[in-house]
Amino acid sequence: MATPPVIRMSEWDISYSNPSGVRHQELTASGFLKNLGRTSQSLLDFGSINNTNNKVHSNTKAIIVNVDDMQDATEAIYNLRFWCPGSSDFTAGTYYLNAWVSGAWIKNCSLTDTSGYYIGTSLPSGQNLWRQDGGTSITASGADAQSSMWVYLSISADTDVPPKTYGGTGSGLYYRLTYDYR
């Protein structure tokens, strides 16, 4: 049985200068916040949304994907599809799961629903996340040039969405990366 690659998603502080060149050294790089996973300390947390008077937008998060170990992927990791299969936090109202994939670092990015870029809640039919230079596959681990493009994420919620905390511990909001390897 093949051993799949070890993939890591990490969150970066959008107020810092461009971390390109050190994205694969997340533990020591300026602007690195945390690796994302299933423990309470490593969740993507959009905070509390209080939208009783008007539509609100969460803070924008910046994440990337790196490969820690290719394992049995001897050639490439490809067909990267990033999506949001878990949005059960939103039980009522009009909300937008904003997402924008970019090869460029955008300091202090502020993504809202008016951007027109959203993330789907079902598995995309084709690749929607690429290597940082636009390449279709990742062919090595531990190299900045093999990092994914930046994924900027935020939530917009209209006044008909109940105020609460979105993301974080006990959340029904989560993202997933699906990929193939050979």
N, C-alpha and C. Protein backbone atom coordinates (compact mmCIF):
# COMPACT_ATOMS: atom_id res chain seq x y z
N MET A 1 0.84 -1.18 0.00
CA MET A 1 0.00 0.00 0.00
C MET A 1 0.89 1.25 0.00
N ALA A 2 0.56 2.18 -0.85
CA ALA A 2 1.35 3.40 -0.99
C ALA A 2 1.17 4.32 0.23
N THR A 3 2.24 4.99 0.61
CA THR A 3 2.19 5.96 1.70
C THR A 3 2.02 7.35 1.10
N PRO A 4 0.92 8.05 1.43
CA PRO A 4 0.67 9.37 0.82
C PRO A 4 1.65 10.42 1.33
N PRO A 5 1.81 11.49 0.58
CA PRO A 5 2.70 12.58 0.99
C PRO A 5 2.21 13.22 2.30
N VAL A 6 3.14 13.83 3.01
CA VAL A 6 2.81 14.59 4.22
C VAL A 6 2.66 16.05 3.81
N ILE A 7 1.41 16.53 3.86
CA ILE A 7 1.06 17.87 3.42
C ILE A 7 0.81 18.74 4.65
N ARG A 8 1.24 19.99 4.59
CA ARG A 8 1.04 20.92 5.70
C ARG A 8 0.42 22.21 5.18
N MET A 9 -0.63 22.68 5.86
CA MET A 9 -1.18 24.01 5.59
C MET A 9 -0.74 24.90 6.73
N SER A 10 -0.32 26.11 6.41
CA SER A 10 0.08 27.04 7.46
C SER A 10 -0.53 28.40 7.23
N GLU A 11 -0.76 29.11 8.35
CA GLU A 11 -1.36 30.44 8.32
C GLU A 11 -0.27 31.49 8.54
N TRP A 12 -0.40 32.60 7.80
CA TRP A 12 0.57 33.68 7.87
C TRP A 12 -0.12 34.99 8.20
N ASP A 13 0.56 35.85 8.94
CA ASP A 13 0.03 37.15 9.33
C ASP A 13 0.11 38.09 8.14
N ILE A 14 -1.03 38.58 7.68
CA ILE A 14 -1.05 39.42 6.48
C ILE A 14 -0.50 40.82 6.72
N SER A 15 -0.23 41.17 7.97
CA SER A 15 0.34 42.50 8.24
C SER A 15 1.86 42.52 8.09
N TYR A 16 2.49 41.35 7.91
CA TYR A 16 3.95 41.28 7.76
C TYR A 16 4.36 41.48 6.31
N SER A 17 5.65 41.73 6.14
CA SER A 17 6.20 41.85 4.79
C SER A 17 6.17 40.50 4.10
N ASN A 18 6.41 40.49 2.84
CA ASN A 18 6.35 39.31 2.00
C ASN A 18 7.24 38.18 2.52
N PRO A 19 6.65 37.04 2.92
CA PRO A 19 7.46 35.92 3.40
C PRO A 19 7.93 34.98 2.29
N SER A 20 7.72 35.35 1.04
CA SER A 20 8.20 34.51 -0.06
C SER A 20 9.70 34.31 0.09
N GLY A 21 10.14 33.10 -0.13
CA GLY A 21 11.54 32.74 0.05
C GLY A 21 11.77 31.96 1.33
N VAL A 22 10.86 32.12 2.30
CA VAL A 22 10.99 31.39 3.57
C VAL A 22 9.71 30.65 3.95
N ARG A 23 8.79 30.52 3.01
CA ARG A 23 7.50 29.88 3.31
C ARG A 23 7.66 28.44 3.77
N HIS A 24 8.71 27.78 3.37
CA HIS A 24 8.93 26.40 3.77
C HIS A 24 9.64 26.30 5.13
N GLN A 25 10.06 27.42 5.69
CA GLN A 25 10.74 27.46 6.99
C GLN A 25 9.82 28.08 8.02
N GLU A 26 8.59 27.66 8.07
CA GLU A 26 7.57 28.35 8.82
C GLU A 26 7.89 28.57 10.29
N LEU A 27 8.61 27.71 10.93
CA LEU A 27 8.84 27.87 12.37
C LEU A 27 9.72 29.06 12.71
N THR A 28 10.56 29.50 11.79
CA THR A 28 11.47 30.61 12.06
C THR A 28 11.18 31.83 11.20
N ALA A 29 10.28 31.73 10.26
CA ALA A 29 10.03 32.82 9.33
C ALA A 29 9.17 33.91 9.95
N SER A 30 9.50 35.15 9.64
CA SER A 30 8.73 36.29 10.11
C SER A 30 7.34 36.27 9.47
N GLY A 31 6.32 36.43 10.28
CA GLY A 31 4.95 36.42 9.80
C GLY A 31 4.25 35.09 9.94
N PHE A 32 5.00 34.00 10.21
CA PHE A 32 4.37 32.69 10.39
C PHE A 32 3.53 32.72 11.66
N LEU A 33 2.29 32.24 11.58
CA LEU A 33 1.43 32.16 12.76
C LEU A 33 1.34 30.74 13.31
N LYS A 34 0.92 29.79 12.45
CA LYS A 34 0.77 28.42 12.93
C LYS A 34 0.49 27.48 11.77
N ASN A 35 0.81 26.21 12.03
CA ASN A 35 0.37 25.16 11.11
C ASN A 35 -1.07 24.84 11.45
N LEU A 36 -1.86 24.59 10.44
CA LEU A 36 -3.28 24.33 10.63
C LEU A 36 -3.53 22.84 10.72
N GLY A 37 -4.39 22.45 11.62
CA GLY A 37 -4.72 21.05 11.81
C GLY A 37 -5.99 20.90 12.61
N ARG A 38 -6.12 19.79 13.32
CA ARG A 38 -7.36 19.48 14.03
C ARG A 38 -7.33 19.80 15.52
N THR A 39 -6.19 20.22 16.06
CA THR A 39 -6.14 20.56 17.48
C THR A 39 -6.63 21.99 17.68
N SER A 40 -7.08 22.31 18.87
CA SER A 40 -7.66 23.63 19.13
C SER A 40 -6.66 24.76 18.93
N GLN A 41 -5.37 24.50 19.11
CA GLN A 41 -4.36 25.53 18.92
C GLN A 41 -4.01 25.76 17.46
N SER A 42 -4.49 24.90 16.58
CA SER A 42 -4.06 25.01 15.18
C SER A 42 -5.23 25.16 14.21
N LEU A 43 -6.32 25.71 14.69
CA LEU A 43 -7.49 25.90 13.84
C LEU A 43 -7.50 27.29 13.21
N LEU A 44 -8.11 27.39 12.06
CA LEU A 44 -8.32 28.68 11.41
C LEU A 44 -9.54 29.32 12.07
N ASP A 45 -9.35 30.47 12.69
CA ASP A 45 -10.41 31.08 13.49
C ASP A 45 -10.72 32.47 12.94
N PHE A 46 -11.95 32.66 12.47
CA PHE A 46 -12.35 33.95 11.93
C PHE A 46 -12.93 34.87 13.00
N GLY A 47 -13.07 34.37 14.21
CA GLY A 47 -13.54 35.18 15.32
C GLY A 47 -15.04 35.37 15.35
N SER A 48 -15.47 36.26 16.22
CA SER A 48 -16.88 36.53 16.42
C SER A 48 -17.39 37.50 15.36
N ILE A 49 -18.53 37.18 14.82
CA ILE A 49 -19.16 38.05 13.83
C ILE A 49 -20.44 38.61 14.44
N ASN A 50 -20.44 39.92 14.69
CA ASN A 50 -21.62 40.59 15.21
C ASN A 50 -22.15 41.50 14.12
N ASN A 51 -23.18 41.05 13.46
CA ASN A 51 -23.70 41.74 12.29
C ASN A 51 -25.14 42.21 12.50
N THR A 52 -25.45 42.66 13.69
CA THR A 52 -26.84 43.04 13.98
C THR A 52 -27.27 44.30 13.23
N ASN A 53 -26.35 45.17 12.86
CA ASN A 53 -26.73 46.43 12.20
C ASN A 53 -26.44 46.47 10.71
N ASN A 54 -25.42 45.75 10.25
CA ASN A 54 -25.10 45.75 8.83
C ASN A 54 -24.24 44.53 8.49
N LYS A 55 -24.04 44.31 7.22
CA LYS A 55 -23.19 43.21 6.77
C LYS A 55 -21.78 43.43 7.30
N VAL A 56 -21.14 42.35 7.72
CA VAL A 56 -19.76 42.45 8.21
C VAL A 56 -18.87 41.46 7.48
N HIS A 57 -17.58 41.73 7.54
CA HIS A 57 -16.56 40.89 6.92
C HIS A 57 -15.54 40.52 7.99
N SER A 58 -15.18 39.27 8.05
CA SER A 58 -14.16 38.85 9.00
C SER A 58 -12.79 39.36 8.55
N ASN A 59 -11.81 39.20 9.42
CA ASN A 59 -10.44 39.46 9.01
C ASN A 59 -10.07 38.47 7.93
N THR A 60 -9.19 38.88 7.03
CA THR A 60 -8.73 38.00 5.96
C THR A 60 -7.56 37.16 6.47
N LYS A 61 -7.59 35.89 6.18
CA LYS A 61 -6.53 34.95 6.54
C LYS A 61 -5.73 34.60 5.29
N ALA A 62 -4.44 34.34 5.46
CA ALA A 62 -3.57 33.93 4.36
C ALA A 62 -2.97 32.58 4.71
N ILE A 63 -3.17 31.60 3.82
CA ILE A 63 -2.60 30.27 4.06
C ILE A 63 -1.88 29.79 2.80
N ILE A 64 -0.98 28.84 3.01
CA ILE A 64 -0.31 28.16 1.91
C ILE A 64 -0.22 26.68 2.23
N VAL A 65 0.12 25.91 1.21
CA VAL A 65 0.32 24.48 1.34
C VAL A 65 1.78 24.18 1.02
N ASN A 66 2.41 23.39 1.86
CA ASN A 66 3.76 22.89 1.63
C ASN A 66 3.76 21.38 1.79
N VAL A 67 4.74 20.74 1.19
CA VAL A 67 4.91 19.30 1.33
C VAL A 67 6.11 19.06 2.23
N ASP A 68 5.88 18.38 3.36
CA ASP A 68 6.97 18.06 4.28
C ASP A 68 7.74 16.82 3.84
N ASP A 69 7.03 15.86 3.26
CA ASP A 69 7.68 14.62 2.85
C ASP A 69 6.90 14.05 1.66
N MET A 70 7.58 13.79 0.58
CA MET A 70 6.92 13.25 -0.61
C MET A 70 6.46 11.80 -0.40
N GLN A 71 7.05 11.09 0.56
CA GLN A 71 6.73 9.68 0.81
C GLN A 71 6.80 8.87 -0.48
N ASP A 72 5.70 8.21 -0.87
CA ASP A 72 5.69 7.38 -2.08
C ASP A 72 5.31 8.15 -3.34
N ALA A 73 5.22 9.47 -3.24
CA ALA A 73 4.99 10.30 -4.43
C ALA A 73 6.35 10.54 -5.07
N THR A 74 6.75 9.69 -5.95
CA THR A 74 8.09 9.76 -6.52
C THR A 74 8.22 10.79 -7.64
N GLU A 75 7.08 11.23 -8.21
CA GLU A 75 7.13 12.20 -9.31
C GLU A 75 6.52 13.54 -8.93
N ALA A 76 5.26 13.52 -8.49
CA ALA A 76 4.57 14.79 -8.29
C ALA A 76 3.29 14.64 -7.47
N ILE A 77 2.90 15.76 -6.89
CA ILE A 77 1.58 15.93 -6.29
C ILE A 77 0.87 16.91 -7.21
N TYR A 78 -0.29 16.56 -7.67
CA TYR A 78 -0.95 17.36 -8.70
C TYR A 78 -2.46 17.34 -8.50
N ASN A 79 -3.17 18.07 -9.33
CA ASN A 79 -4.63 18.16 -9.26
C ASN A 79 -5.07 18.62 -7.87
N LEU A 80 -4.43 19.67 -7.36
CA LEU A 80 -4.75 20.22 -6.05
C LEU A 80 -6.09 20.95 -6.12
N ARG A 81 -7.01 20.52 -5.28
CA ARG A 81 -8.35 21.12 -5.24
C ARG A 81 -8.65 21.54 -3.81
N PHE A 82 -8.82 22.83 -3.61
CA PHE A 82 -9.07 23.41 -2.29
C PHE A 82 -10.55 23.78 -2.21
N TRP A 83 -11.21 23.37 -1.12
CA TRP A 83 -12.66 23.59 -1.02
C TRP A 83 -13.09 23.62 0.43
N CYS A 84 -14.36 23.91 0.66
CA CYS A 84 -14.93 24.05 2.00
C CYS A 84 -16.11 23.08 2.15
N PRO A 85 -15.83 21.82 2.51
CA PRO A 85 -16.93 20.87 2.64
C PRO A 85 -17.74 21.04 3.93
N GLY A 86 -17.21 21.81 4.87
CA GLY A 86 -17.89 21.99 6.15
C GLY A 86 -18.29 23.42 6.40
N SER A 87 -19.56 23.71 6.22
CA SER A 87 -20.05 25.06 6.51
C SER A 87 -21.33 24.99 7.36
N SER A 88 -21.41 23.97 8.20
CA SER A 88 -22.62 23.78 9.02
C SER A 88 -22.77 24.82 10.12
N ASP A 89 -21.73 25.67 10.35
CA ASP A 89 -21.88 26.79 11.29
C ASP A 89 -22.98 27.74 10.84
N PHE A 90 -23.16 27.81 9.54
CA PHE A 90 -24.13 28.74 8.97
C PHE A 90 -25.46 28.01 8.79
N THR A 91 -26.37 28.25 9.70
CA THR A 91 -27.66 27.56 9.66
C THR A 91 -28.78 28.43 9.11
N ALA A 92 -28.50 29.72 8.96
CA ALA A 92 -29.51 30.64 8.44
C ALA A 92 -28.82 31.86 7.86
N GLY A 93 -29.50 32.51 6.92
CA GLY A 93 -29.04 33.79 6.43
C GLY A 93 -28.15 33.74 5.20
N THR A 94 -27.73 34.94 4.79
CA THR A 94 -26.91 35.12 3.60
C THR A 94 -25.46 35.31 4.01
N TYR A 95 -24.61 34.40 3.59
CA TYR A 95 -23.19 34.49 3.92
C TYR A 95 -22.36 34.14 2.69
N TYR A 96 -21.12 34.56 2.71
CA TYR A 96 -20.20 34.31 1.61
C TYR A 96 -18.90 33.76 2.17
N LEU A 97 -18.43 32.67 1.61
CA LEU A 97 -17.13 32.11 1.94
C LEU A 97 -16.17 32.64 0.88
N ASN A 98 -15.53 33.76 1.18
CA ASN A 98 -14.67 34.44 0.22
C ASN A 98 -13.32 33.74 0.13
N ALA A 99 -12.82 33.58 -1.06
CA ALA A 99 -11.51 32.95 -1.27
C ALA A 99 -10.88 33.51 -2.54
N TRP A 100 -9.59 33.77 -2.45
CA TRP A 100 -8.86 34.25 -3.61
C TRP A 100 -7.48 33.60 -3.61
N VAL A 101 -7.12 32.97 -4.71
CA VAL A 101 -5.83 32.31 -4.87
C VAL A 101 -4.93 33.23 -5.69
N SER A 102 -3.73 33.50 -5.18
CA SER A 102 -2.83 34.43 -5.86
C SER A 102 -1.39 33.97 -5.73
N GLY A 103 -0.62 34.18 -6.78
CA GLY A 103 0.80 33.89 -6.75
C GLY A 103 1.58 34.99 -6.06
N ALA A 104 0.92 36.10 -5.74
CA ALA A 104 1.60 37.24 -5.12
C ALA A 104 1.15 37.40 -3.67
N TRP A 105 2.09 37.81 -2.82
CA TRP A 105 1.78 38.16 -1.43
C TRP A 105 1.12 39.53 -1.43
N ILE A 106 -0.02 39.64 -0.78
CA ILE A 106 -0.73 40.91 -0.71
C ILE A 106 -0.82 41.33 0.75
N LYS A 107 0.11 42.18 1.16
CA LYS A 107 0.15 42.64 2.54
C LYS A 107 -1.14 43.38 2.87
N ASN A 108 -1.69 43.08 4.04
CA ASN A 108 -2.92 43.71 4.53
C ASN A 108 -4.11 43.50 3.60
N CYS A 109 -4.15 42.38 2.92
CA CYS A 109 -5.27 42.04 2.04
C CYS A 109 -6.57 42.08 2.84
N SER A 110 -7.60 42.63 2.25
CA SER A 110 -8.92 42.67 2.87
C SER A 110 -9.94 42.16 1.85
N LEU A 111 -10.28 40.91 1.99
CA LEU A 111 -11.16 40.23 1.04
C LEU A 111 -12.61 40.31 1.51
N THR A 112 -13.50 40.80 0.65
CA THR A 112 -14.92 40.88 0.99
C THR A 112 -15.75 40.19 -0.10
N ASP A 113 -17.04 40.12 0.12
CA ASP A 113 -17.92 39.46 -0.84
C ASP A 113 -18.03 40.23 -2.15
N THR A 114 -17.65 41.48 -2.16
CA THR A 114 -17.74 42.26 -3.40
C THR A 114 -16.60 41.93 -4.37
N SER A 115 -15.63 41.14 -3.92
CA SER A 115 -14.53 40.75 -4.80
C SER A 115 -15.01 39.79 -5.89
N GLY A 116 -16.07 39.05 -5.59
CA GLY A 116 -16.59 38.09 -6.55
C GLY A 116 -15.86 36.76 -6.56
N TYR A 117 -14.95 36.55 -5.60
CA TYR A 117 -14.21 35.29 -5.51
C TYR A 117 -14.70 34.51 -4.30
N TYR A 118 -15.17 33.30 -4.54
CA TYR A 118 -15.74 32.49 -3.47
C TYR A 118 -15.17 31.08 -3.54
N ILE A 119 -15.30 30.36 -2.44
CA ILE A 119 -14.86 28.97 -2.42
C ILE A 119 -16.10 28.08 -2.43
N GLY A 120 -16.03 27.00 -3.18
CA GLY A 120 -17.16 26.08 -3.28
C GLY A 120 -17.25 25.16 -2.07
N THR A 121 -18.44 24.63 -1.87
CA THR A 121 -18.68 23.69 -0.77
C THR A 121 -18.73 22.25 -1.26
N SER A 122 -18.48 22.04 -2.53
CA SER A 122 -18.38 20.68 -3.06
C SER A 122 -17.04 20.56 -3.79
N LEU A 123 -16.58 19.33 -3.92
CA LEU A 123 -15.28 19.07 -4.53
C LEU A 123 -15.22 19.66 -5.94
N PRO A 124 -14.25 20.54 -6.21
CA PRO A 124 -14.13 21.12 -7.56
C PRO A 124 -13.85 20.03 -8.59
N SER A 125 -14.33 20.24 -9.79
CA SER A 125 -14.13 19.24 -10.85
C SER A 125 -12.70 19.26 -11.38
N GLY A 126 -11.98 20.35 -11.15
CA GLY A 126 -10.60 20.45 -11.63
C GLY A 126 -9.74 21.23 -10.66
N GLN A 127 -8.47 21.28 -10.94
CA GLN A 127 -7.50 21.95 -10.09
C GLN A 127 -7.85 23.42 -9.91
N ASN A 128 -7.76 23.92 -8.66
CA ASN A 128 -7.98 25.34 -8.38
C ASN A 128 -6.90 25.93 -7.47
N LEU A 129 -5.86 25.15 -7.20
CA LEU A 129 -4.71 25.64 -6.43
C LEU A 129 -3.44 25.15 -7.13
N TRP A 130 -2.49 26.05 -7.32
CA TRP A 130 -1.29 25.75 -8.09
C TRP A 130 -0.04 26.04 -7.28
N ARG A 131 1.10 25.59 -7.80
CA ARG A 131 2.38 25.93 -7.21
C ARG A 131 2.56 27.44 -7.30
N GLN A 132 3.36 28.01 -6.42
CA GLN A 132 3.49 29.47 -6.32
C GLN A 132 3.86 30.16 -7.63
N ASP A 133 4.51 29.45 -8.54
CA ASP A 133 4.87 30.05 -9.84
C ASP A 133 3.86 29.73 -10.94
N GLY A 134 2.74 29.12 -10.56
CA GLY A 134 1.71 28.79 -11.54
C GLY A 134 1.82 27.38 -12.08
N GLY A 135 2.85 26.64 -11.69
CA GLY A 135 2.99 25.25 -12.13
C GLY A 135 1.85 24.38 -11.63
N THR A 136 1.56 23.33 -12.36
CA THR A 136 0.41 22.49 -12.00
C THR A 136 0.73 21.41 -10.98
N SER A 137 2.02 21.18 -10.68
CA SER A 137 2.35 20.11 -9.74
C SER A 137 3.49 20.52 -8.82
N ILE A 138 3.53 19.89 -7.67
CA ILE A 138 4.61 20.04 -6.70
C ILE A 138 5.47 18.80 -6.84
N THR A 139 6.76 19.00 -7.06
CA THR A 139 7.63 17.86 -7.37
C THR A 139 8.71 17.59 -6.32
N ALA A 140 8.72 18.37 -5.23
CA ALA A 140 9.72 18.16 -4.18
C ALA A 140 9.21 18.71 -2.86
N SER A 141 9.80 18.26 -1.78
CA SER A 141 9.43 18.76 -0.45
C SER A 141 10.53 19.67 0.08
N GLY A 142 10.18 20.52 1.06
CA GLY A 142 11.16 21.34 1.75
C GLY A 142 11.78 22.46 0.94
N ALA A 143 11.11 22.93 -0.11
CA ALA A 143 11.65 24.01 -0.92
C ALA A 143 10.60 25.10 -1.12
N ASP A 144 11.00 26.35 -0.93
CA ASP A 144 10.05 27.45 -1.07
C ASP A 144 9.43 27.50 -2.46
N ALA A 145 10.21 27.18 -3.47
CA ALA A 145 9.71 27.20 -4.85
C ALA A 145 8.62 26.16 -5.07
N GLN A 146 8.48 25.21 -4.17
CA GLN A 146 7.47 24.16 -4.30
C GLN A 146 6.24 24.44 -3.43
N SER A 147 6.16 25.62 -2.83
CA SER A 147 4.98 26.01 -2.05
C SER A 147 3.82 26.29 -2.98
N SER A 148 2.62 26.24 -2.43
CA SER A 148 1.44 26.59 -3.23
C SER A 148 1.32 28.11 -3.33
N MET A 149 0.41 28.54 -4.17
CA MET A 149 0.05 29.95 -4.21
C MET A 149 -0.60 30.31 -2.87
N TRP A 150 -0.70 31.59 -2.59
CA TRP A 150 -1.37 32.06 -1.39
C TRP A 150 -2.88 31.89 -1.56
N VAL A 151 -3.54 31.48 -0.51
CA VAL A 151 -5.00 31.41 -0.48
C VAL A 151 -5.46 32.40 0.57
N TYR A 152 -6.18 33.42 0.13
CA TYR A 152 -6.73 34.42 1.04
C TYR A 152 -8.19 34.05 1.30
N LEU A 153 -8.57 34.02 2.58
CA LEU A 153 -9.90 33.57 2.98
C LEU A 153 -10.54 34.58 3.94
N SER A 154 -11.83 34.78 3.80
CA SER A 154 -12.60 35.58 4.76
C SER A 154 -14.06 35.14 4.68
N ILE A 155 -14.84 35.65 5.60
CA ILE A 155 -16.28 35.38 5.65
C ILE A 155 -17.01 36.70 5.65
N SER A 156 -18.07 36.79 4.86
CA SER A 156 -18.96 37.95 4.91
C SER A 156 -20.33 37.43 5.34
N ALA A 157 -20.96 38.15 6.27
CA ALA A 157 -22.26 37.71 6.79
C ALA A 157 -23.22 38.88 6.83
N ASP A 158 -24.40 38.67 6.27
CA ASP A 158 -25.43 39.69 6.26
C ASP A 158 -26.15 39.68 7.61
N THR A 159 -27.02 40.64 7.81
CA THR A 159 -27.69 40.79 9.11
C THR A 159 -28.63 39.64 9.45
N ASP A 160 -28.96 38.79 8.48
CA ASP A 160 -29.83 37.65 8.77
C ASP A 160 -29.06 36.40 9.23
N VAL A 161 -27.73 36.51 9.36
CA VAL A 161 -26.91 35.42 9.87
C VAL A 161 -26.76 35.63 11.38
N PRO A 162 -27.07 34.61 12.19
CA PRO A 162 -26.96 34.77 13.65
C PRO A 162 -25.54 35.11 14.08
N PRO A 163 -25.37 36.13 14.96
CA PRO A 163 -24.04 36.47 15.46
C PRO A 163 -23.45 35.32 16.27
N LYS A 164 -22.20 34.97 16.04
CA LYS A 164 -21.51 33.93 16.79
C LYS A 164 -20.05 33.89 16.35
N THR A 165 -19.30 32.94 16.87
CA THR A 165 -17.92 32.74 16.48
C THR A 165 -17.87 31.72 15.35
N TYR A 166 -17.13 32.04 14.30
CA TYR A 166 -17.02 31.15 13.15
C TYR A 166 -15.58 30.67 13.02
N GLY A 167 -15.42 29.37 12.90
CA GLY A 167 -14.11 28.78 12.90
C GLY A 167 -13.67 28.54 14.34
N GLY A 168 -12.51 27.97 14.53
CA GLY A 168 -12.02 27.71 15.87
C GLY A 168 -12.59 26.43 16.47
N THR A 169 -12.43 26.26 17.76
CA THR A 169 -12.81 25.04 18.47
C THR A 169 -14.31 24.76 18.35
N GLY A 170 -14.65 23.52 18.05
CA GLY A 170 -16.05 23.09 17.97
C GLY A 170 -16.78 23.62 16.76
N SER A 171 -16.06 24.10 15.79
CA SER A 171 -16.68 24.73 14.63
C SER A 171 -17.14 23.70 13.60
N GLY A 172 -18.16 24.08 12.87
CA GLY A 172 -18.61 23.31 11.72
C GLY A 172 -18.12 23.92 10.42
N LEU A 173 -17.10 24.79 10.52
CA LEU A 173 -16.52 25.44 9.35
C LEU A 173 -15.11 24.90 9.18
N TYR A 174 -14.86 24.22 8.06
CA TYR A 174 -13.52 23.72 7.79
C TYR A 174 -13.27 23.63 6.29
N TYR A 175 -11.98 23.65 5.94
CA TYR A 175 -11.54 23.61 4.56
C TYR A 175 -10.79 22.31 4.32
N ARG A 176 -10.69 21.91 3.07
CA ARG A 176 -10.02 20.65 2.74
C ARG A 176 -9.20 20.82 1.46
N LEU A 177 -8.07 20.12 1.42
CA LEU A 177 -7.25 20.04 0.22
C LEU A 177 -7.32 18.59 -0.27
N THR A 178 -7.71 18.41 -1.51
CA THR A 178 -7.76 17.10 -2.13
C THR A 178 -6.75 17.12 -3.27
N TYR A 179 -5.99 16.03 -3.44
CA TYR A 179 -4.95 16.01 -4.46
C TYR A 179 -4.70 14.58 -4.92
N ASP A 180 -3.99 14.45 -6.02
CA ASP A 180 -3.52 13.17 -6.52
C ASP A 180 -2.00 13.16 -6.45
N TYR A 181 -1.41 11.98 -6.46
CA TYR A 181 0.05 11.89 -6.52
C TYR A 181 0.46 10.65 -7.29
N ARG A 182 1.68 10.72 -7.80
CA ARG A 182 2.24 9.58 -8.54
C ARG A 182 3.73 9.51 -8.26
